[in-house]
Amino acid sequence: MKIGRAVLGTGERLLDRVLCVVGAVLFAQAPEFMQQYLQRLGGHLDEARRQLQQFEHVATQSGLTLDGLVARSAGSQEPTVVRLGGVIRDTVERVDALAAAQHALQDASGWTRPFVFLHTVDFDIARATASVFKPGVPTTLEGLVYALAGMLALLLAYHAGVKFPVSRILRARAAARAAAKARPAAPDQPARGAA
C-alpha cells in the first residue's frame, strides 16, 4: 500500500510539472501568434488600400469623388457596373475595418491585447496565420506573463476539474468502507415460532 501511494505521489508531482511546462509553452505562443497575425493583417490592409487607390484614381480621371463614383455606379442601368459600385463600397468598408483592427491591436497594452484581439479578430486572417504559424521562444515580459498564466490555468483546471473531484469520491468511498467495517454484525435472529 505504501509503495502504491509513493508511486501515485511521484506520478502526481510529475503530472503537475508536465502541466506547468505545457501550459507555459502553449500560452507563451499567444504574443507570437498575435504578432504574426498583426503582420498578416497589415498585408491585407496594404492590399485593400492599393485597390482603393486604384478606384480613387478612376474616380479622379472621371471627374468624380469616390462617393460620386459609387453613387453613379449604383444608378447605372448596367448590372455589371452596379456590382462594381458594390465592390468599391465593400473595399472602403474593408479598409476602414482592417485599419481600425490594426490600430486597436497596436495601441493595446500587453494586458488588454488578448481581449482586443478576440474583439477585432478577422477569422479568415487568423486561419491563414495559423496555417503558417511558426512557434517562437518569447523573451519579453509579456511572453513571461503569458507563460505564467498558462502554468496557472492548466494547474487550476487539473486540480479543480480532476484532482479535487476524484479525491472527494475516493474519500467518500473510503469513509463508506470504514463505516461498513465499524458497524457491529447483527446477531442471528431466532426462527419464528421456536420456543
Protein backbone atom coordinates (compact mmCIF):
# COMPACT_ATOMS: atom_id res chain seq x y z
CA MET A 1 0.00 0.00 0.00
CA LYS A 2 2.82 2.40 0.86
CA ILE A 3 4.56 1.64 -2.44
CA GLY A 4 1.34 2.39 -4.36
CA ARG A 5 0.94 5.72 -2.59
CA ALA A 6 4.57 6.62 -3.25
CA VAL A 7 4.14 5.82 -6.94
CA LEU A 8 0.90 7.81 -7.10
CA GLY A 9 2.54 10.75 -5.32
CA THR A 10 5.50 10.70 -7.69
CA GLY A 11 3.19 10.41 -10.69
CA GLU A 12 1.11 13.33 -9.47
CA ARG A 13 4.17 15.54 -8.94
CA LEU A 14 5.38 14.62 -12.41
CA LEU A 15 1.97 15.40 -13.88
CA ASP A 16 1.98 18.81 -12.15
CA ARG A 17 5.36 19.61 -13.68
CA VAL A 18 4.30 18.44 -17.14
CA LEU A 19 1.14 20.57 -16.92
CA CYS A 20 3.25 23.58 -15.91
CA VAL A 21 5.55 23.15 -18.90
CA VAL A 22 2.70 22.50 -21.36
CA GLY A 23 0.70 25.48 -20.07
CA ALA A 24 3.72 27.78 -20.20
CA VAL A 25 4.69 26.75 -23.72
CA LEU A 26 1.14 26.97 -25.10
CA PHE A 27 0.22 30.31 -23.55
CA ALA A 28 3.63 31.83 -24.34
CA GLN A 29 2.82 31.38 -28.04
CA ALA A 30 -0.10 33.84 -27.82
CA PRO A 31 2.04 37.00 -28.17
CA GLU A 32 3.93 35.41 -31.09
CA PHE A 33 0.69 34.39 -32.80
CA MET A 34 -0.78 37.88 -32.34
CA GLN A 35 2.41 39.41 -33.77
CA GLN A 36 2.27 37.18 -36.84
CA TYR A 37 -1.46 37.88 -37.16
CA LEU A 38 -0.77 41.62 -36.98
CA GLN A 39 1.80 41.34 -39.78
CA ARG A 40 -0.67 39.44 -41.95
CA LEU A 41 -3.41 41.94 -41.08
CA GLY A 42 -1.10 44.75 -42.20
CA GLY A 43 -0.53 42.97 -45.51
CA HIS A 44 -4.28 42.68 -46.10
CA LEU A 45 -4.70 46.35 -45.21
CA ASP A 46 -1.94 47.41 -47.62
CA GLU A 47 -3.55 45.41 -50.44
CA ALA A 48 -7.04 46.79 -49.71
CA ARG A 49 -5.62 50.34 -49.67
CA ARG A 50 -3.90 49.70 -53.00
CA GLN A 51 -7.22 48.60 -54.53
CA LEU A 52 -8.94 51.62 -53.05
CA GLN A 53 -6.30 53.93 -54.55
CA GLN A 54 -6.99 52.42 -57.96
CA PHE A 55 -10.72 53.13 -57.55
CA GLU A 56 -9.91 56.70 -56.40
CA HIS A 57 -7.68 57.15 -59.47
CA VAL A 58 -10.51 56.01 -61.77
CA ALA A 59 -12.91 58.40 -59.98
CA THR A 60 -10.46 61.31 -60.35
CA GLN A 61 -9.93 60.57 -64.04
CA SER A 62 -13.72 60.64 -64.45
CA GLY A 63 -14.01 63.97 -62.62
CA LEU A 64 -15.74 62.36 -59.63
CA THR A 65 -15.11 61.70 -55.98
CA LEU A 66 -15.06 58.10 -54.80
CA ASP A 67 -18.55 58.54 -53.29
CA GLY A 68 -19.71 60.02 -56.59
CA LEU A 69 -18.33 57.02 -58.48
CA VAL A 70 -20.17 54.65 -56.12
CA ALA A 71 -23.41 56.64 -56.50
CA ARG A 72 -23.12 56.76 -60.30
CA SER A 73 -22.39 53.03 -60.38
CA ALA A 74 -25.43 52.27 -58.21
CA GLY A 75 -27.68 54.29 -60.53
CA SER A 76 -26.46 52.60 -63.70
CA GLN A 77 -28.71 50.50 -65.92
CA GLU A 78 -25.85 48.05 -66.46
CA PRO A 79 -25.85 45.28 -63.77
CA THR A 80 -22.08 44.83 -64.05
CA VAL A 81 -21.47 48.49 -63.24
CA VAL A 82 -23.90 48.29 -60.29
CA ARG A 83 -21.95 45.31 -58.92
CA LEU A 84 -18.70 47.23 -59.41
CA GLY A 85 -20.13 50.02 -57.22
CA GLY A 86 -20.79 47.38 -54.54
CA VAL A 87 -17.20 46.17 -54.80
CA ILE A 88 -15.93 49.73 -54.34
CA ARG A 89 -18.18 50.24 -51.31
CA ASP A 90 -17.05 46.89 -49.81
CA THR A 91 -13.41 47.88 -50.35
CA VAL A 92 -13.93 51.16 -48.48
CA GLU A 93 -15.55 49.28 -45.58
CA ARG A 94 -12.77 46.66 -45.58
CA VAL A 95 -10.06 49.33 -45.41
CA ASP A 96 -11.87 51.00 -42.50
CA ALA A 97 -12.37 47.73 -40.61
CA LEU A 98 -8.80 46.50 -41.12
CA ALA A 99 -7.31 49.89 -40.19
CA ALA A 100 -9.42 50.04 -37.02
CA ALA A 101 -8.37 46.50 -36.04
CA GLN A 102 -4.71 47.24 -36.73
CA HIS A 103 -4.75 50.45 -34.66
CA ALA A 104 -6.63 48.75 -31.82
CA LEU A 105 -4.10 45.91 -31.62
CA GLN A 106 -1.08 48.18 -31.94
CA ASP A 107 -2.36 50.55 -29.26
CA ALA A 108 -3.42 47.80 -26.81
CA SER A 109 -1.30 47.11 -23.77
CA GLY A 110 0.05 43.66 -23.05
CA TRP A 111 -2.78 43.16 -20.55
CA THR A 112 -5.60 44.17 -22.90
CA ARG A 113 -4.21 42.80 -26.18
CA PRO A 114 -5.83 39.33 -25.90
CA PHE A 115 -9.26 40.90 -25.35
CA VAL A 116 -8.77 43.41 -28.17
CA PHE A 117 -7.60 40.57 -30.40
CA LEU A 118 -10.70 38.48 -29.63
CA HIS A 119 -12.93 41.52 -30.18
CA THR A 120 -11.41 42.53 -33.54
CA VAL A 121 -10.23 39.21 -34.97
CA ASP A 122 -10.78 38.52 -38.67
CA PHE A 123 -11.23 34.75 -38.72
CA ASP A 124 -10.02 34.35 -42.31
CA ILE A 125 -6.78 36.13 -41.47
CA ALA A 126 -6.47 34.19 -38.20
CA ARG A 127 -6.91 30.86 -40.04
CA ALA A 128 -4.31 31.89 -42.61
CA THR A 129 -1.95 32.92 -39.81
CA ALA A 130 -2.46 29.61 -38.02
CA SER A 131 -1.73 27.68 -41.21
CA VAL A 132 1.79 29.13 -41.40
CA PHE A 133 2.37 29.89 -37.72
CA LYS A 134 5.92 29.37 -36.51
CA PRO A 135 6.20 29.00 -32.72
CA GLY A 136 8.72 31.22 -31.05
CA VAL A 137 10.51 31.43 -27.74
CA PRO A 138 9.24 34.59 -26.06
CA THR A 139 11.94 36.68 -24.45
CA THR A 140 9.76 39.59 -23.40
CA LEU A 141 8.00 40.38 -20.15
CA GLU A 142 4.70 39.87 -21.97
CA GLY A 143 5.80 36.36 -23.01
CA LEU A 144 6.76 35.56 -19.42
CA VAL A 145 3.39 36.76 -18.13
CA TYR A 146 1.59 34.60 -20.69
CA ALA A 147 3.75 31.60 -19.74
CA LEU A 148 2.95 32.06 -16.04
CA ALA A 149 -0.75 32.46 -16.85
CA GLY A 150 -0.61 29.23 -18.85
CA MET A 151 1.01 27.36 -15.98
CA LEU A 152 -1.61 28.58 -13.56
CA ALA A 153 -4.51 27.93 -15.94
CA LEU A 154 -3.59 24.30 -16.61
CA LEU A 155 -2.79 23.58 -12.97
CA LEU A 156 -6.07 25.16 -11.87
CA ALA A 157 -8.01 23.21 -14.49
CA TYR A 158 -6.36 19.95 -13.40
CA HIS A 159 -6.80 20.50 -9.66
CA ALA A 160 -10.35 21.86 -9.87
CA GLY A 161 -11.60 19.62 -12.68
CA VAL A 162 -9.82 16.34 -12.00
CA LYS A 163 -7.83 16.01 -8.79
CA PHE A 164 -10.28 17.57 -6.33
CA PRO A 165 -13.41 15.73 -7.61
CA VAL A 166 -11.58 12.39 -7.79
CA SER A 167 -10.11 12.78 -4.29
CA ARG A 168 -13.58 13.62 -2.90
CA ILE A 169 -15.02 10.48 -4.48
CA LEU A 170 -12.16 8.34 -3.14
CA ARG A 171 -12.51 9.82 0.37
CA ALA A 172 -16.26 9.21 0.32
CA ARG A 173 -15.75 5.58 -0.73
CA ALA A 174 -13.08 5.06 1.94
CA ALA A 175 -15.36 6.58 4.57
CA ALA A 176 -18.23 4.32 3.47
CA ARG A 177 -15.98 1.23 3.67
CA ALA A 178 -14.74 2.27 7.11
CA ALA A 179 -18.29 2.86 8.30
CA ALA A 180 -19.34 -0.55 6.98
CA LYS A 181 -16.48 -2.24 8.84
CA ALA A 182 -17.26 -0.36 12.05
CA ARG A 183 -20.91 -1.48 12.19
CA PRO A 184 -21.43 -4.37 14.57
CA ALA A 185 -22.62 -7.54 12.93
CA ALA A 186 -26.32 -8.16 13.54
CA PRO A 187 -26.91 -11.23 15.77
CA ASP A 188 -28.75 -14.12 14.18
CA GLN A 189 -32.45 -13.82 14.78
CA PRO A 190 -34.12 -16.92 16.21
CA ALA A 191 -36.59 -18.53 13.89
CA ARG A 192 -40.26 -17.62 14.42
CA GLY A 193 -42.30 -19.92 16.43
CA ALA A 194 -39.33 -21.51 18.18
CA ALA A 195 -39.76 -21.80 21.90
